[in-house]
Structure formats: C-alpha cells, structure tokens
Protein backbone atom coordinates (compact mmCIF):
# COMPACT_ATOMS: atom_id res chain seq x y z
CA MET A 1 -39.05 176.06 -48.21
CA MET A 2 -40.59 172.78 -47.02
CA ARG A 3 -40.44 173.84 -43.36
CA TYR A 4 -41.97 177.20 -44.24
CA ALA A 5 -44.80 175.49 -46.16
CA LEU A 6 -45.52 173.01 -43.35
CA ALA A 7 -45.72 175.80 -40.79
CA ARG A 8 -48.24 177.66 -42.93
CA ILE A 9 -50.32 174.52 -43.54
CA ILE A 10 -50.43 173.60 -39.83
CA GLY A 11 -51.57 177.12 -39.01
CA LEU A 12 -54.69 176.68 -41.16
CA PHE A 13 -56.41 174.27 -38.76
CA PRO A 14 -56.64 176.43 -35.60
CA THR A 15 -57.65 179.39 -37.73
CA LEU A 16 -60.49 177.42 -39.31
CA LEU A 17 -61.59 176.11 -35.90
CA LEU A 18 -61.74 179.67 -34.51
CA LEU A 19 -63.78 180.76 -37.53
CA VAL A 20 -66.25 177.89 -37.16
CA THR A 21 -66.59 178.46 -33.40
CA ALA A 22 -67.18 182.19 -33.69
CA ALA A 23 -69.66 181.79 -36.55
CA PHE A 24 -71.58 179.00 -34.79
CA PHE A 25 -72.26 180.99 -31.61
CA VAL A 26 -72.81 184.36 -33.31
CA ILE A 27 -75.48 182.85 -35.58
CA ARG A 28 -77.25 181.32 -32.60
CA LEU A 29 -77.27 184.69 -30.79
CA ALA A 30 -79.19 186.35 -33.63
CA PRO A 31 -82.91 186.85 -32.90
CA GLY A 32 -85.36 184.43 -34.45
CA GLY A 33 -85.01 180.82 -35.42
CA PRO A 34 -85.36 178.50 -38.41
CA PHE A 35 -88.94 177.58 -37.48
CA ASP A 36 -90.24 181.08 -36.81
CA GLU A 37 -93.05 181.72 -39.26
CA GLU A 38 -95.57 184.53 -39.72
CA ARG A 39 -98.06 182.10 -38.31
CA ALA A 40 -96.81 180.58 -35.06
CA LEU A 41 -96.44 176.81 -35.02
CA PRO A 42 -98.23 174.78 -32.35
CA PRO A 43 -95.90 174.13 -29.40
CA GLN A 44 -95.92 170.36 -29.95
CA VAL A 45 -95.06 170.68 -33.64
CA ARG A 46 -92.28 173.13 -32.86
CA ALA A 47 -90.87 170.85 -30.18
CA ASN A 48 -90.91 167.89 -32.57
CA LEU A 49 -89.08 169.87 -35.24
CA GLU A 50 -86.42 171.06 -32.80
CA ALA A 51 -85.94 167.50 -31.54
CA ALA A 52 -85.66 166.18 -35.10
CA TYR A 53 -82.87 168.63 -35.93
CA GLY A 54 -81.16 168.44 -32.54
CA LEU A 55 -82.00 172.02 -31.57
CA ASP A 56 -83.43 170.91 -28.23
CA ALA A 57 -79.97 169.93 -26.97
CA PRO A 58 -77.75 172.36 -25.02
CA LEU A 59 -75.80 174.76 -27.19
CA ALA A 60 -72.47 173.18 -26.26
CA THR A 61 -73.77 169.77 -27.31
CA GLN A 62 -74.98 171.18 -30.62
CA TYR A 63 -71.55 172.69 -31.21
CA LEU A 64 -69.71 169.44 -30.52
CA ARG A 65 -72.09 167.56 -32.81
CA TYR A 66 -71.54 170.08 -35.58
CA VAL A 67 -67.74 169.95 -35.28
CA GLY A 68 -67.91 166.14 -35.25
CA GLY A 69 -69.95 166.15 -38.44
CA LEU A 70 -67.61 168.69 -39.98
CA LEU A 71 -64.64 166.41 -39.35
CA ARG A 72 -66.49 163.74 -41.34
CA GLY A 73 -67.21 166.20 -44.15
CA ASP A 74 -70.91 166.47 -43.24
CA LEU A 75 -72.29 170.02 -43.19
CA GLY A 76 -75.64 168.86 -41.85
CA PRO A 77 -79.23 169.07 -43.13
CA SER A 78 -80.84 172.25 -44.37
CA PHE A 79 -83.66 173.50 -42.13
CA LYS A 80 -85.57 175.10 -45.01
CA HIS A 81 -84.80 172.88 -48.00
CA LYS A 82 -86.66 169.74 -47.06
CA ASP A 83 -84.93 166.39 -47.61
CA MET A 84 -81.76 168.11 -48.81
CA GLY A 85 -78.41 168.38 -47.10
CA VAL A 86 -76.15 171.41 -47.11
CA ASN A 87 -73.46 169.39 -48.92
CA GLU A 88 -75.91 168.71 -51.73
CA LEU A 89 -77.03 172.32 -52.03
CA ILE A 90 -73.54 173.77 -52.08
CA ALA A 91 -72.26 171.06 -54.43
CA GLY A 92 -74.91 172.11 -56.94
CA GLY A 93 -73.89 175.79 -57.02
CA LEU A 94 -70.24 175.96 -56.00
CA PRO A 95 -68.76 174.50 -59.21
CA VAL A 96 -70.50 177.23 -61.20
CA SER A 97 -69.22 179.98 -58.90
CA ALA A 98 -65.70 178.51 -58.79
CA ALA A 99 -65.47 178.07 -62.56
CA LEU A 100 -66.73 181.59 -63.19
CA GLY A 101 -64.34 183.03 -60.62
CA ALA A 102 -61.32 181.07 -61.85
CA VAL A 103 -61.78 182.24 -65.43
CA ALA A 104 -62.34 185.83 -64.28
CA LEU A 105 -59.24 185.73 -62.07
CA ALA A 106 -57.09 184.36 -64.88
CA LEU A 107 -58.41 186.93 -67.34
CA GLY A 108 -57.88 189.79 -64.89
CA LEU A 109 -54.26 188.76 -64.26
CA LEU A 110 -53.51 188.11 -67.94
CA LEU A 111 -54.65 191.64 -68.76
CA GLY A 112 -53.54 193.45 -65.62
CA VAL A 113 -49.94 192.27 -65.25
CA PRO A 114 -48.81 193.17 -68.80
CA LEU A 115 -50.75 196.45 -68.59
CA GLY A 116 -48.97 197.35 -65.36
CA CYS A 117 -45.59 196.48 -66.87
CA LEU A 118 -46.23 198.59 -69.97
CA ALA A 119 -47.39 201.53 -67.85
CA ALA A 120 -44.26 201.37 -65.69
CA LEU A 121 -41.91 201.06 -68.68
CA HIS A 122 -43.59 204.04 -70.40
CA ARG A 123 -44.07 206.19 -67.33
CA ALA A 124 -45.81 209.53 -67.94
CA GLY A 125 -46.35 208.61 -71.59
CA PRO A 126 -49.51 207.88 -73.57
CA VAL A 127 -49.48 204.20 -72.58
CA ASP A 128 -49.27 205.08 -68.90
CA LEU A 129 -52.07 207.63 -69.28
CA GLY A 130 -54.25 205.14 -71.10
CA ALA A 131 -53.62 202.48 -68.44
CA THR A 132 -54.51 204.98 -65.72
CA ILE A 133 -57.81 205.84 -67.43
CA VAL A 134 -58.74 202.18 -67.99
CA THR A 135 -57.99 201.13 -64.42
CA ALA A 136 -59.77 204.17 -63.00
CA LEU A 137 -62.90 203.33 -64.98
CA ALA A 138 -62.75 199.69 -63.93
CA LEU A 139 -62.54 200.68 -60.27
CA ALA A 140 -65.15 203.44 -60.55
CA LEU A 141 -67.78 201.02 -61.89
CA PRO A 142 -68.64 198.42 -59.22
CA ALA A 143 -70.14 195.10 -60.22
CA PHE A 144 -73.73 196.20 -59.55
CA VAL A 145 -73.22 199.05 -62.07
CA LEU A 146 -70.91 197.44 -64.64
CA GLY A 147 -72.93 194.21 -64.85
CA PRO A 148 -76.26 195.83 -65.77
CA LEU A 149 -74.50 198.21 -68.18
CA LEU A 150 -72.86 195.32 -70.04
CA SER A 151 -76.11 193.37 -70.04
CA LEU A 152 -78.04 196.38 -71.37
CA ALA A 153 -75.48 197.26 -74.05
CA PHE A 154 -74.42 193.86 -75.38
CA GLY A 155 -77.47 191.83 -74.42
CA LEU A 156 -80.52 194.03 -74.97
CA GLN A 157 -79.33 196.74 -77.36
CA LEU A 158 -76.77 195.06 -79.63
CA ARG A 159 -78.04 191.51 -78.98
CA TRP A 160 -74.53 190.11 -79.40
CA LEU A 161 -74.62 188.10 -76.17
CA PRO A 162 -77.28 186.73 -73.80
CA ALA A 163 -78.37 189.37 -71.30
CA ALA A 164 -78.73 186.77 -68.54
CA GLY A 165 -78.96 183.05 -67.93
CA TRP A 166 -76.43 180.27 -67.74
CA GLU A 167 -75.53 177.19 -69.74
CA ASN A 168 -72.63 175.00 -68.66
CA GLY A 169 -69.83 175.24 -71.18
CA SER A 170 -71.41 178.16 -73.05
CA LEU A 171 -68.86 180.89 -73.71
CA ARG A 172 -71.58 183.30 -74.83
CA HIS A 173 -73.38 183.07 -71.46
CA ALA A 174 -70.15 183.32 -69.45
CA LEU A 175 -68.49 186.24 -71.23
CA LEU A 176 -70.33 189.18 -69.66
CA PRO A 177 -70.21 187.82 -66.07
CA VAL A 178 -66.51 187.01 -66.47
CA ILE A 179 -65.73 190.52 -67.73
CA THR A 180 -67.67 192.02 -64.81
CA LEU A 181 -65.71 189.97 -62.28
CA ALA A 182 -62.36 190.40 -64.05
CA ALA A 183 -62.51 194.19 -64.35
CA PRO A 184 -61.49 195.05 -60.74
CA VAL A 185 -58.87 192.26 -60.73
CA MET A 186 -57.32 193.72 -63.88
CA ALA A 187 -57.35 197.24 -62.44
CA TYR A 188 -55.83 196.37 -59.05
CA SER A 189 -53.20 194.05 -60.50
CA ALA A 190 -52.16 196.64 -63.10
CA ARG A 191 -51.76 199.33 -60.46
CA LEU A 192 -49.85 197.07 -58.07
CA VAL A 193 -47.51 195.80 -60.77
CA ARG A 194 -46.90 199.34 -62.05
CA SER A 195 -46.01 200.72 -58.63
CA GLY A 196 -43.91 197.67 -57.74
CA LEU A 197 -42.00 197.72 -61.02
CA LEU A 198 -41.33 201.46 -60.80
CA GLU A 199 -39.86 200.99 -57.34
CA VAL A 200 -37.67 198.09 -58.43
CA LEU A 201 -36.45 199.85 -61.58
CA GLY A 202 -35.07 202.62 -59.40
CA ALA A 203 -32.99 200.24 -57.29
CA ASP A 204 -29.19 200.33 -57.35
CA TYR A 205 -28.77 196.82 -58.73
CA ILE A 206 -31.00 197.68 -61.71
CA ARG A 207 -28.86 200.73 -62.46
CA ALA A 208 -25.78 198.52 -62.21
CA ALA A 209 -27.34 196.07 -64.68
CA ARG A 210 -27.96 198.91 -67.11
CA ALA A 211 -24.37 200.06 -66.68
CA ARG A 212 -23.19 196.58 -67.68
CA GLY A 213 -25.08 196.97 -70.96
CA LEU A 214 -28.01 194.64 -70.32
CA GLY A 215 -31.08 195.30 -72.46
CA GLN A 216 -34.38 196.53 -71.05
CA ARG A 217 -36.21 193.29 -71.77
CA ARG A 218 -33.62 191.16 -69.99
CA ILE A 219 -33.49 193.53 -67.03
CA VAL A 220 -37.27 193.40 -66.59
CA LEU A 221 -37.74 189.67 -67.08
CA ALA A 222 -34.62 188.42 -65.29
CA HIS A 223 -34.12 190.96 -62.52
CA ALA A 224 -37.05 193.33 -61.96
CA LEU A 225 -40.29 191.47 -62.53
CA ARG A 226 -39.95 188.87 -59.76
CA PRO A 227 -39.57 191.36 -56.87
CA ALA A 228 -42.07 193.71 -58.52
CA LEU A 229 -44.77 191.03 -58.22
CA LEU A 230 -44.52 190.90 -54.41
CA PRO A 231 -47.24 193.54 -53.77
CA LEU A 232 -49.54 191.76 -56.23
CA VAL A 233 -49.01 188.37 -54.56
CA GLY A 234 -49.76 189.85 -51.14
CA TRP A 235 -53.07 191.24 -52.42
CA LEU A 236 -53.96 188.23 -54.51
CA GLY A 237 -54.72 185.80 -51.65
CA PRO A 238 -57.92 187.33 -50.25
CA ALA A 239 -58.86 188.77 -53.65
CA ALA A 240 -58.68 185.34 -55.26
CA ALA A 241 -60.88 183.86 -52.54
CA VAL A 242 -63.58 186.44 -53.20
CA VAL A 243 -63.47 185.95 -56.96
CA LEU A 244 -63.20 182.15 -56.92
CA THR A 245 -66.15 181.68 -54.58
CA GLY A 246 -68.27 183.82 -56.85
CA SER A 247 -69.92 187.18 -56.50
CA LEU A 248 -73.49 187.32 -55.26
CA ILE A 249 -74.07 190.55 -57.19
CA VAL A 250 -72.84 189.14 -60.50
CA GLU A 251 -74.77 185.91 -60.01
CA THR A 252 -77.92 187.90 -59.26
CA VAL A 253 -77.56 190.32 -62.17
CA PHE A 254 -76.95 187.60 -64.76
CA GLY A 255 -79.20 184.94 -63.24
CA ILE A 256 -76.35 182.49 -62.60
CA PRO A 257 -77.18 179.49 -60.38
CA GLY A 258 -74.07 179.79 -58.23
CA ALA A 259 -73.57 179.21 -54.51
CA GLY A 260 -73.52 182.86 -53.44
CA ARG A 261 -77.29 183.09 -53.11
CA PHE A 262 -77.31 180.45 -50.36
CA LEU A 263 -75.52 182.73 -47.89
CA VAL A 264 -78.13 185.49 -48.08
CA GLU A 265 -81.01 183.04 -48.36
CA GLY A 266 -79.80 181.09 -45.33
CA ALA A 267 -79.32 184.25 -43.26
CA LEU A 268 -82.81 185.53 -44.04
CA ASN A 269 -84.39 182.16 -43.24
CA ARG A 270 -82.23 181.52 -40.16
CA ASP A 271 -81.08 178.31 -41.82
CA TYR A 272 -78.20 177.82 -39.43
CA THR A 273 -76.56 174.88 -41.15
CA LEU A 274 -76.75 176.45 -44.62
CA VAL A 275 -75.14 179.67 -43.39
CA MET A 276 -72.48 177.69 -41.52
CA GLY A 277 -71.83 175.60 -44.62
CA MET A 278 -71.24 178.70 -46.74
CA ILE A 279 -69.00 180.21 -44.04
CA VAL A 280 -66.96 177.01 -43.92
CA VAL A 281 -66.64 176.90 -47.72
CA TYR A 282 -65.68 180.58 -47.94
CA GLY A 283 -63.34 180.22 -44.97
CA VAL A 284 -61.53 177.21 -46.46
CA ALA A 285 -61.27 178.95 -49.84
CA THR A 286 -59.85 182.08 -48.23
CA LEU A 287 -57.33 180.12 -46.16
CA LEU A 288 -56.19 178.07 -49.15
CA CYS A 289 -55.82 181.15 -51.34
CA ASN A 290 -53.86 182.91 -48.61
CA LEU A 291 -51.71 179.80 -48.23
CA ALA A 292 -50.98 179.81 -51.95
CA ALA A 293 -50.13 183.53 -51.74
CA ASP A 294 -47.81 182.93 -48.75
CA LEU A 295 -46.00 180.12 -50.58
CA ALA A 296 -45.66 182.22 -53.71
CA TYR A 297 -44.40 185.12 -51.59
CA GLY A 298 -41.84 182.86 -49.96
CA TRP A 299 -40.68 181.64 -53.37
CA LEU A 300 -40.38 185.16 -54.74
CA ASP A 301 -38.62 186.52 -51.64
CA PRO A 302 -36.52 183.85 -49.84
CA ARG A 303 -35.80 186.28 -46.98
CA ILE A 304 -39.23 185.74 -45.39
CA ARG A 305 -38.60 181.99 -45.08
CA ARG A 306 -35.78 182.60 -42.62
CA PRO A 307 -36.73 181.96 -38.95
C-alpha cells in the first residue's frame, strides 16, 4: 500500500506543472489585458504599469518568475485589487467555500449511502420507488433552480431561515446553501451505492454466504458493502473537489463571500494572477481529492495495488 501511495503522490507534481503551464499561456493568449480600460491609458502610464508588474518581460521570463514564486507559495499581486496579493484575496474567501463544501459533502454522503443501501435491499418496493423519486428530483433541480426555490420558500415566505447572507458559525445562514450543495451529492451517491450493491448481492460468494445461514445485516456489512462502494469512491474524487472548493452559483444566490467569485471576476478583468491563483487552488484541491479517492480505492480493492 505504501508503494502504491507514493507512486500516486509523486504523480501529482508533473500533473500540477502541466496544469499551471497550460493555464499560464492560454490566459496570455486571450485578447485584452489587465490595463485595458474603456478610456485608453497614456502610453507612458501603461508602460510604467507593465514594468511595475513585470509584464514588459518576455513571456518565457514571466512564466519562470511565476513558477519560482509558486514554489515559494507566492501567487503574486492582483492587477485589479490595489495593494492586495492573490494569497490574501483567496485566503479571505476560500475557508468559507471549503467549510460550506465540506459540510455539504458530508451531509450528502450521510444521506445518500444509507438511502442507496435501503433501495438496493428493498428493490422494486416502496422504499426503492421513493428513493428513485427523491434522487430524480434532486438531479432535475440544478443549483441555480433549487437555491432560489429554497430561499423563496423558507426565507421569504415562511421566514424560518435567512434568505441570503452569511455569518461565520451561524447554522441558520448555512443551512439552505448546504442543502443546495448536498442535494446532487446525495442523489449521485444513492444511485451509485444502489447499483453497486445490487451487483454485489448477485455474486456467487454472497449466495454462498446466504447458504451458510448468515443474516442479511452481516452479509451487507461484512461482505457486500465494501466492494459496493467502489463506484462511489471512483466518482467521489472530482465531485468532492467541486463541492469543497465551493459553488459559484450557490455563493451568488445566497450572497456568500466565498472564493468562487474571484475566478469569474478575474477572467472578466483579465487579472492574470488572480485567475491563475484560483486555477492553482482548484487544481491542487482536485488532485488531492483524486489522490484520496485513489488511496481509498486501493484500500477497498487490493487488486489494483498490484504492479
């Protein structure tokens, strides 16, 4: 297992370097620049700004400088947010997005996995039908529809919860955004667990366990559940990265000061360093979540660890 884990960890670094390289040059190829305004700047002022931010250097030199700063943990200055660095901007919003996503991911799994198990164990029954309806509704209502509906119903009509806004540590402000983010996680995990468990329950070794007189609960918990979770673990890596880094739609609907807004804002303003900072953060989060999924997959199925 240790050799398998080390191989996966070592593979993260070239992948991240390729991501940073591709993003750096693609952003620079886009038309416009960070100092393009509706009213053109005087040539001398523009030249001074480009010199101050190092944009007058050759593109290869800019790339090497950026990678050097990245190795030191420096994401560079923001071109639009004066006197503020990208590290500072992201550090202000990322904890909110990560906390919101982590709670939503946990809630989605806590609801989805048992629901999928119950649906598989009561196949074609009322429980299975109910699970199918719930997951279908959760998938049919995307975040930009479900979020406003929850805000309208529970925030404006019933006035049980705040319709928008954010207060650190406030469960009332976090509940609706968490439910909005958790709904698709619950639906996908329930469907994946159901299909995986149904497949495993039809295997020969499960029939042999039943023939030996083992109870249903012991069969599921001791023999069937672990391999049934493999499809869920494979899906969970990239899904967790998206949820943990926050959803721009959910943050916009509920007025949450997360980090997602910086990606769109930076792209519109041609704030190269801010966009690159968000890409690096999202890239690292995705790679780490995929690493965790690979390690969990290797633990659940020892066969994939064999060379």
